[in-house]
Amino acid sequence: MEVLAQETWEARAAAHAARVDALVGPHLERRDARAKHPVHDFLFTYYSHRPAQLRRWHPGAEVVLAGGAAAYGGLRGYAVAEGAPDDAAVDPAHVESQRPLVEALHRLLVATAARPAHLGCFGLHEWAMVYRQGDDETRHADWPLRLGGDGTDAVVESHRIACSHFDAFRFFTDPARPLNTLSPTAGDRTAFEQPACLHAGMDLYKHAFRLSPLVSSDLVVDAFELAWDIRVLDMRAAPYDFTGIAMDHTGEPWAPVRIETAGGKQEYAEAQRRFAERGAPIRQALVDAGERLLAGSPAR
């Protein structure tokens, strides 16, 4: 077991909290003001990890926090270190209890990493989610459709839709579902998910926080930052008119990616490629952590 001195892990925990505060601060301010954001709220509503949970630093399994019993001993998944009542570490019994989850995520991540990146979806899943809907029926009804209802429907009908991600496909409108060339389900994700899918990239955050505290919180926040940036592209390419809304970390407004045009398709595919490359080491780190956990030598 690696042992971290108290001053070492406290410094890491403080640095982690400061990093997260910079990311979630605007969301917390909006939440207090009861102001909604159609882009960034997704990371705190669709995903179940609360800002306070994201802010809590975990070293990962098989790391002892010297003097950490007071701060960590009562947290889920932790136990006071054997023979050192002032110290704390992830409980091996908790690691074993999470084995089914670790196995399932490992299978999915390995299968996704092994599949070629597909760059031809152009974000049409968001368009299929509003296909043939009235203005007051869309998921973001406060924001108009950039091309209007008829124009949006025409884009859907004139493109080949190949959404591989079930959690996007399940939100397609009823008339849009038969237009998808694939039929992913909740039970066959390993047969469909591919590394360039924006939602598969965002879900790396979900996979990472579901493994907490077995994996390092640094990895969780790396995945969160990736998900944040992917979400911006997802909504820039969506059919909604978000003109003028601040989307990125700097608060600068972003223009739409007009995927209905050749130039927009090229812009989207290039951004998708970069996100696939950026997500690959995070996915691999989760795969490696899973292998160590399943082998009985948990990740650090």
Protein backbone atom coordinates (compact mmCIF):
# COMPACT_ATOMS: atom_id res chain seq x y z
CA MET A 1 0.00 0.00 0.00
CA GLU A 2 1.31 3.43 -0.93
CA VAL A 3 1.18 5.84 2.01
CA LEU A 4 0.67 9.56 1.42
CA ALA A 5 1.81 11.90 4.16
CA GLN A 6 -0.93 14.15 5.46
CA GLU A 7 0.63 17.33 4.13
CA THR A 8 0.97 15.70 0.69
CA TRP A 9 -2.62 14.53 0.31
CA GLU A 10 -4.04 17.68 1.84
CA ALA A 11 -2.17 19.75 -0.75
CA ARG A 12 -3.44 17.52 -3.55
CA ALA A 13 -6.98 17.72 -2.20
CA ALA A 14 -6.82 21.51 -2.01
CA ALA A 15 -5.45 21.79 -5.56
CA HIS A 16 -8.19 19.47 -6.79
CA ALA A 17 -10.91 21.52 -5.07
CA ALA A 18 -9.55 24.74 -6.59
CA ARG A 19 -9.52 23.16 -10.05
CA VAL A 20 -13.13 22.03 -9.69
CA ASP A 21 -14.28 25.34 -8.21
CA ALA A 22 -13.10 27.13 -11.33
CA LEU A 23 -15.16 24.74 -13.46
CA VAL A 24 -18.39 24.56 -11.48
CA GLY A 25 -18.52 28.05 -10.01
CA PRO A 26 -20.64 29.55 -12.84
CA HIS A 27 -23.09 26.66 -12.59
CA LEU A 28 -23.51 27.14 -8.85
CA GLU A 29 -24.11 30.85 -9.34
CA ARG A 30 -26.79 30.11 -11.95
CA ARG A 31 -28.33 27.50 -9.69
CA ASP A 32 -28.58 29.98 -6.84
CA ALA A 33 -30.16 32.49 -9.21
CA ARG A 34 -32.43 29.79 -10.67
CA ALA A 35 -31.09 30.61 -14.12
CA LYS A 36 -30.90 27.82 -16.71
CA HIS A 37 -28.19 27.22 -19.27
CA PRO A 38 -29.13 24.95 -22.20
CA VAL A 39 -25.56 23.80 -22.76
CA HIS A 40 -23.79 23.36 -19.44
CA ASP A 41 -26.66 22.33 -17.16
CA PHE A 42 -26.57 18.99 -18.97
CA LEU A 43 -23.40 18.01 -17.12
CA PHE A 44 -25.16 18.45 -13.76
CA THR A 45 -28.67 17.23 -14.61
CA TYR A 46 -28.22 14.36 -17.05
CA TYR A 47 -25.21 13.11 -15.10
CA SER A 48 -25.85 12.36 -11.45
CA HIS A 49 -22.51 13.44 -9.98
CA ARG A 50 -23.08 16.56 -7.89
CA PRO A 51 -20.58 19.44 -7.78
CA ALA A 52 -19.78 18.65 -4.13
CA GLN A 53 -18.95 15.06 -5.09
CA LEU A 54 -16.78 16.22 -7.98
CA ARG A 55 -14.97 18.55 -5.59
CA ARG A 56 -14.03 15.74 -3.18
CA TRP A 57 -10.59 14.39 -3.94
CA HIS A 58 -9.92 10.64 -3.88
CA PRO A 59 -6.47 9.10 -4.38
CA GLY A 60 -7.76 5.78 -5.72
CA ALA A 61 -7.62 2.32 -4.24
CA GLU A 62 -4.58 0.91 -2.42
CA VAL A 63 -3.43 4.34 -1.23
CA VAL A 64 -3.33 5.04 2.50
CA LEU A 65 -4.00 8.61 3.63
CA ALA A 66 -1.88 9.17 6.72
CA GLY A 67 -3.95 11.01 9.30
CA GLY A 68 -6.96 10.76 6.99
CA ALA A 69 -9.35 8.91 9.28
CA ALA A 70 -11.13 12.07 10.40
CA ALA A 71 -11.69 13.36 6.86
CA TYR A 72 -12.22 10.08 5.01
CA GLY A 73 -12.97 7.33 7.48
CA GLY A 74 -16.71 7.93 7.40
CA LEU A 75 -17.05 8.25 3.64
CA ARG A 76 -18.68 5.54 1.53
CA GLY A 77 -16.08 3.07 0.36
CA TYR A 78 -13.45 3.95 2.94
CA ALA A 79 -12.28 2.25 6.10
CA VAL A 80 -9.76 3.05 8.79
CA ALA A 81 -6.47 1.45 7.83
CA GLU A 82 -5.73 -1.81 9.61
CA GLY A 83 -3.34 -1.23 12.49
CA ALA A 84 -3.36 2.54 11.98
CA PRO A 85 -6.55 4.06 13.41
CA ASP A 86 -5.59 7.59 12.35
CA ASP A 87 -5.20 6.59 8.70
CA ALA A 88 -7.80 5.82 6.01
CA ALA A 89 -7.92 3.99 2.68
CA VAL A 90 -10.45 2.61 0.24
CA ASP A 91 -11.93 -0.51 1.82
CA PRO A 92 -10.92 -3.72 -0.04
CA ALA A 93 -14.41 -5.05 0.71
CA HIS A 94 -15.87 -2.09 -1.18
CA VAL A 95 -13.55 -2.78 -4.11
CA GLU A 96 -14.81 -6.35 -4.24
CA SER A 97 -18.45 -5.21 -4.01
CA GLN A 98 -17.93 -3.07 -7.11
CA ARG A 99 -16.52 -5.91 -9.19
CA PRO A 100 -19.67 -6.33 -11.37
CA LEU A 101 -19.58 -2.63 -12.23
CA VAL A 102 -15.86 -2.69 -12.96
CA GLU A 103 -16.29 -5.74 -15.21
CA ALA A 104 -19.18 -4.17 -17.15
CA LEU A 105 -17.39 -0.86 -17.70
CA HIS A 106 -14.17 -2.62 -18.66
CA ARG A 107 -15.99 -4.66 -21.35
CA LEU A 108 -17.62 -1.54 -22.77
CA LEU A 109 -14.47 0.57 -22.77
CA VAL A 110 -12.34 -2.15 -24.36
CA ALA A 111 -14.94 -2.77 -27.07
CA THR A 112 -15.28 0.95 -27.79
CA ALA A 113 -11.52 1.49 -28.00
CA ALA A 114 -11.15 -1.41 -30.43
CA ARG A 115 -13.71 -0.04 -32.88
CA PRO A 116 -12.68 2.34 -35.68
CA ALA A 117 -13.65 5.98 -35.23
CA HIS A 118 -16.68 6.95 -37.31
CA LEU A 119 -16.70 10.64 -38.26
CA GLY A 120 -19.80 10.72 -40.45
CA CYS A 121 -22.67 11.28 -38.02
CA PHE A 122 -22.40 15.12 -38.05
CA GLY A 123 -24.37 15.49 -34.84
CA LEU A 124 -27.65 14.57 -36.49
CA HIS A 125 -28.84 12.86 -33.30
CA GLU A 126 -29.88 16.26 -31.92
CA TRP A 127 -31.81 16.99 -35.11
CA ALA A 128 -33.56 13.61 -34.91
CA MET A 129 -34.65 14.47 -31.36
CA VAL A 130 -36.81 17.34 -32.67
CA TYR A 131 -37.87 15.82 -35.99
CA ARG A 132 -41.50 16.71 -36.74
CA GLN A 133 -42.02 18.35 -33.38
CA GLY A 134 -43.77 21.63 -32.76
CA ASP A 135 -41.81 24.56 -31.38
CA ASP A 136 -43.25 24.01 -27.90
CA GLU A 137 -42.38 20.30 -27.89
CA THR A 138 -38.61 20.45 -28.30
CA ARG A 139 -36.23 19.70 -25.42
CA HIS A 140 -35.06 23.31 -25.36
CA ALA A 141 -38.38 24.99 -26.10
CA ASP A 142 -37.08 28.37 -24.92
CA TRP A 143 -34.72 28.44 -27.89
CA PRO A 144 -35.97 28.55 -31.51
CA LEU A 145 -34.86 26.15 -34.19
CA ARG A 146 -32.24 27.80 -36.34
CA LEU A 147 -33.84 26.64 -39.61
CA GLY A 148 -37.39 26.46 -38.33
CA GLY A 149 -39.42 23.25 -38.11
CA ASP A 150 -39.70 22.56 -41.83
CA GLY A 151 -36.04 23.34 -42.47
CA THR A 152 -34.95 21.10 -39.60
CA ASP A 153 -37.09 18.23 -40.87
CA ALA A 154 -35.64 18.65 -44.35
CA VAL A 155 -32.09 18.28 -42.99
CA VAL A 156 -33.03 15.06 -41.21
CA GLU A 157 -34.74 13.64 -44.29
CA SER A 158 -31.86 14.50 -46.63
CA HIS A 159 -29.11 12.85 -44.58
CA ARG A 160 -28.10 9.35 -43.65
CA ILE A 161 -28.46 9.04 -39.88
CA ALA A 162 -26.19 6.51 -38.17
CA CYS A 163 -26.37 7.12 -34.42
CA SER A 164 -24.58 4.35 -32.51
CA HIS A 165 -25.23 5.56 -28.97
CA PHE A 166 -28.35 4.23 -27.26
CA ASP A 167 -28.66 7.10 -24.81
CA ALA A 168 -28.92 9.49 -27.75
CA PHE A 169 -31.02 7.21 -29.94
CA ARG A 170 -33.61 6.69 -27.22
CA PHE A 171 -34.50 10.39 -27.37
CA PHE A 172 -35.25 10.31 -31.10
CA THR A 173 -38.82 11.24 -31.91
CA ASP A 174 -41.03 8.33 -32.98
CA PRO A 175 -40.93 9.22 -36.69
CA ALA A 176 -37.13 9.66 -36.57
CA ARG A 177 -36.28 6.24 -35.13
CA PRO A 178 -36.89 4.28 -38.36
CA LEU A 179 -34.57 6.69 -40.20
CA ASN A 180 -31.56 5.58 -38.14
CA THR A 181 -29.47 2.95 -39.92
CA LEU A 182 -28.61 1.36 -36.54
CA SER A 183 -30.83 0.09 -33.75
CA PRO A 184 -28.76 0.26 -30.54
CA THR A 185 -30.35 -0.91 -27.30
CA ALA A 186 -29.44 -0.63 -23.64
CA GLY A 187 -28.24 -4.23 -23.67
CA ASP A 188 -25.87 -4.18 -26.64
CA ARG A 189 -23.76 -1.08 -26.10
CA THR A 190 -20.54 -3.06 -26.57
CA ALA A 191 -21.67 -3.90 -30.11
CA PHE A 192 -22.22 -0.30 -31.19
CA GLU A 193 -20.31 2.36 -29.25
CA GLN A 194 -17.37 3.87 -31.10
CA PRO A 195 -14.61 6.24 -29.95
CA ALA A 196 -15.56 9.27 -32.07
CA CYS A 197 -19.14 9.39 -30.82
CA LEU A 198 -19.60 12.62 -28.86
CA HIS A 199 -21.86 10.97 -26.31
CA ALA A 200 -19.44 8.08 -25.80
CA GLY A 201 -16.76 10.70 -25.15
CA MET A 202 -18.91 12.57 -22.66
CA ASP A 203 -19.79 9.30 -20.96
CA LEU A 204 -16.15 8.80 -20.02
CA TYR A 205 -16.98 11.24 -17.25
CA LYS A 206 -19.87 9.06 -16.12
CA HIS A 207 -17.74 5.92 -16.18
CA ALA A 208 -15.01 7.64 -14.18
CA PHE A 209 -17.23 9.02 -11.44
CA ARG A 210 -19.09 5.74 -11.14
CA LEU A 211 -15.76 4.17 -10.26
CA SER A 212 -15.07 6.69 -7.48
CA PRO A 213 -13.39 6.30 -5.06
CA LEU A 214 -11.62 3.37 -6.73
CA VAL A 215 -9.89 5.65 -9.24
CA SER A 216 -8.13 8.96 -8.82
CA SER A 217 -10.26 12.09 -8.84
CA ASP A 218 -7.72 13.66 -11.18
CA LEU A 219 -8.93 11.23 -13.84
CA VAL A 220 -12.56 12.08 -13.09
CA VAL A 221 -11.92 15.80 -13.60
CA ASP A 222 -9.95 15.16 -16.79
CA ALA A 223 -13.04 13.35 -18.07
CA PHE A 224 -15.30 16.16 -16.85
CA GLU A 225 -13.32 18.78 -18.75
CA LEU A 226 -13.49 16.64 -21.87
CA ALA A 227 -17.25 16.24 -21.45
CA TRP A 228 -17.64 20.01 -21.01
CA ASP A 229 -15.86 20.76 -24.28
CA ILE A 230 -17.66 18.01 -26.17
CA ARG A 231 -21.00 19.32 -24.92
CA VAL A 232 -20.20 22.70 -26.44
CA LEU A 233 -19.65 21.12 -29.87
CA ASP A 234 -22.77 18.98 -29.42
CA MET A 235 -24.90 22.09 -28.95
CA ARG A 236 -23.08 24.23 -31.51
CA ALA A 237 -24.02 21.59 -34.08
CA ALA A 238 -27.57 21.20 -32.77
CA PRO A 239 -30.57 22.64 -34.63
CA TYR A 240 -31.26 25.30 -31.99
CA ASP A 241 -30.43 28.96 -32.41
CA PHE A 242 -28.14 29.70 -29.47
CA THR A 243 -26.80 32.90 -31.01
CA GLY A 244 -25.05 34.99 -28.39
CA ILE A 245 -25.12 32.47 -25.56
CA ALA A 246 -21.85 32.00 -23.68
CA MET A 247 -20.74 28.41 -24.15
CA ASP A 248 -17.09 28.01 -23.23
CA HIS A 249 -14.91 28.55 -20.17
CA THR A 250 -14.10 32.13 -21.17
CA GLY A 251 -17.74 33.16 -21.47
CA GLU A 252 -17.29 34.05 -25.13
CA PRO A 253 -20.28 33.34 -27.40
CA TRP A 254 -19.83 30.63 -30.01
CA ALA A 255 -21.26 30.52 -33.52
CA PRO A 256 -23.19 27.46 -34.74
CA VAL A 257 -21.55 24.64 -36.63
CA ARG A 258 -23.79 24.52 -39.70
CA ILE A 259 -23.71 20.79 -40.32
CA GLU A 260 -26.26 21.18 -43.11
CA THR A 261 -23.44 22.66 -45.23
CA ALA A 262 -20.29 21.05 -46.59
CA GLY A 263 -18.11 23.43 -44.61
CA GLY A 264 -20.02 22.71 -41.40
CA LYS A 265 -19.65 18.98 -41.91
CA GLN A 266 -15.90 19.36 -42.35
CA GLU A 267 -15.66 21.53 -39.22
CA TYR A 268 -17.69 19.04 -37.19
CA ALA A 269 -15.75 15.98 -38.36
CA GLU A 270 -12.40 17.63 -37.58
CA ALA A 271 -13.54 18.60 -34.08
CA GLN A 272 -14.91 15.10 -33.59
CA ARG A 273 -11.56 13.63 -34.59
CA ARG A 274 -9.72 15.83 -32.08
CA PHE A 275 -12.09 14.82 -29.29
CA ALA A 276 -11.61 11.14 -30.15
CA GLU A 277 -7.85 11.60 -29.87
CA ARG A 278 -8.22 13.51 -26.60
CA GLY A 279 -10.55 10.90 -25.14
CA ALA A 280 -8.33 7.93 -26.05
CA PRO A 281 -5.86 8.27 -23.13
CA ILE A 282 -8.70 8.83 -20.66
CA ARG A 283 -10.47 5.73 -21.91
CA GLN A 284 -7.21 3.77 -21.75
CA ALA A 285 -6.55 4.97 -18.20
CA LEU A 286 -9.98 3.66 -17.20
CA VAL A 287 -9.28 0.36 -18.97
CA ASP A 288 -5.94 0.05 -17.17
CA ALA A 289 -7.53 0.89 -13.83
CA GLY A 290 -10.21 -1.72 -14.40
CA GLU A 291 -7.65 -4.37 -15.20
CA ARG A 292 -5.70 -3.65 -12.05
CA LEU A 293 -8.84 -3.65 -9.94
CA LEU A 294 -10.03 -6.92 -11.43
CA ALA A 295 -6.60 -8.46 -10.97
CA GLY A 296 -6.72 -7.60 -7.27
CA SER A 297 -4.06 -4.89 -7.55
CA PRO A 298 -6.19 -1.74 -7.60
CA ALA A 299 -5.30 1.38 -9.46
CA ARG A 300 -3.43 4.20 -7.80
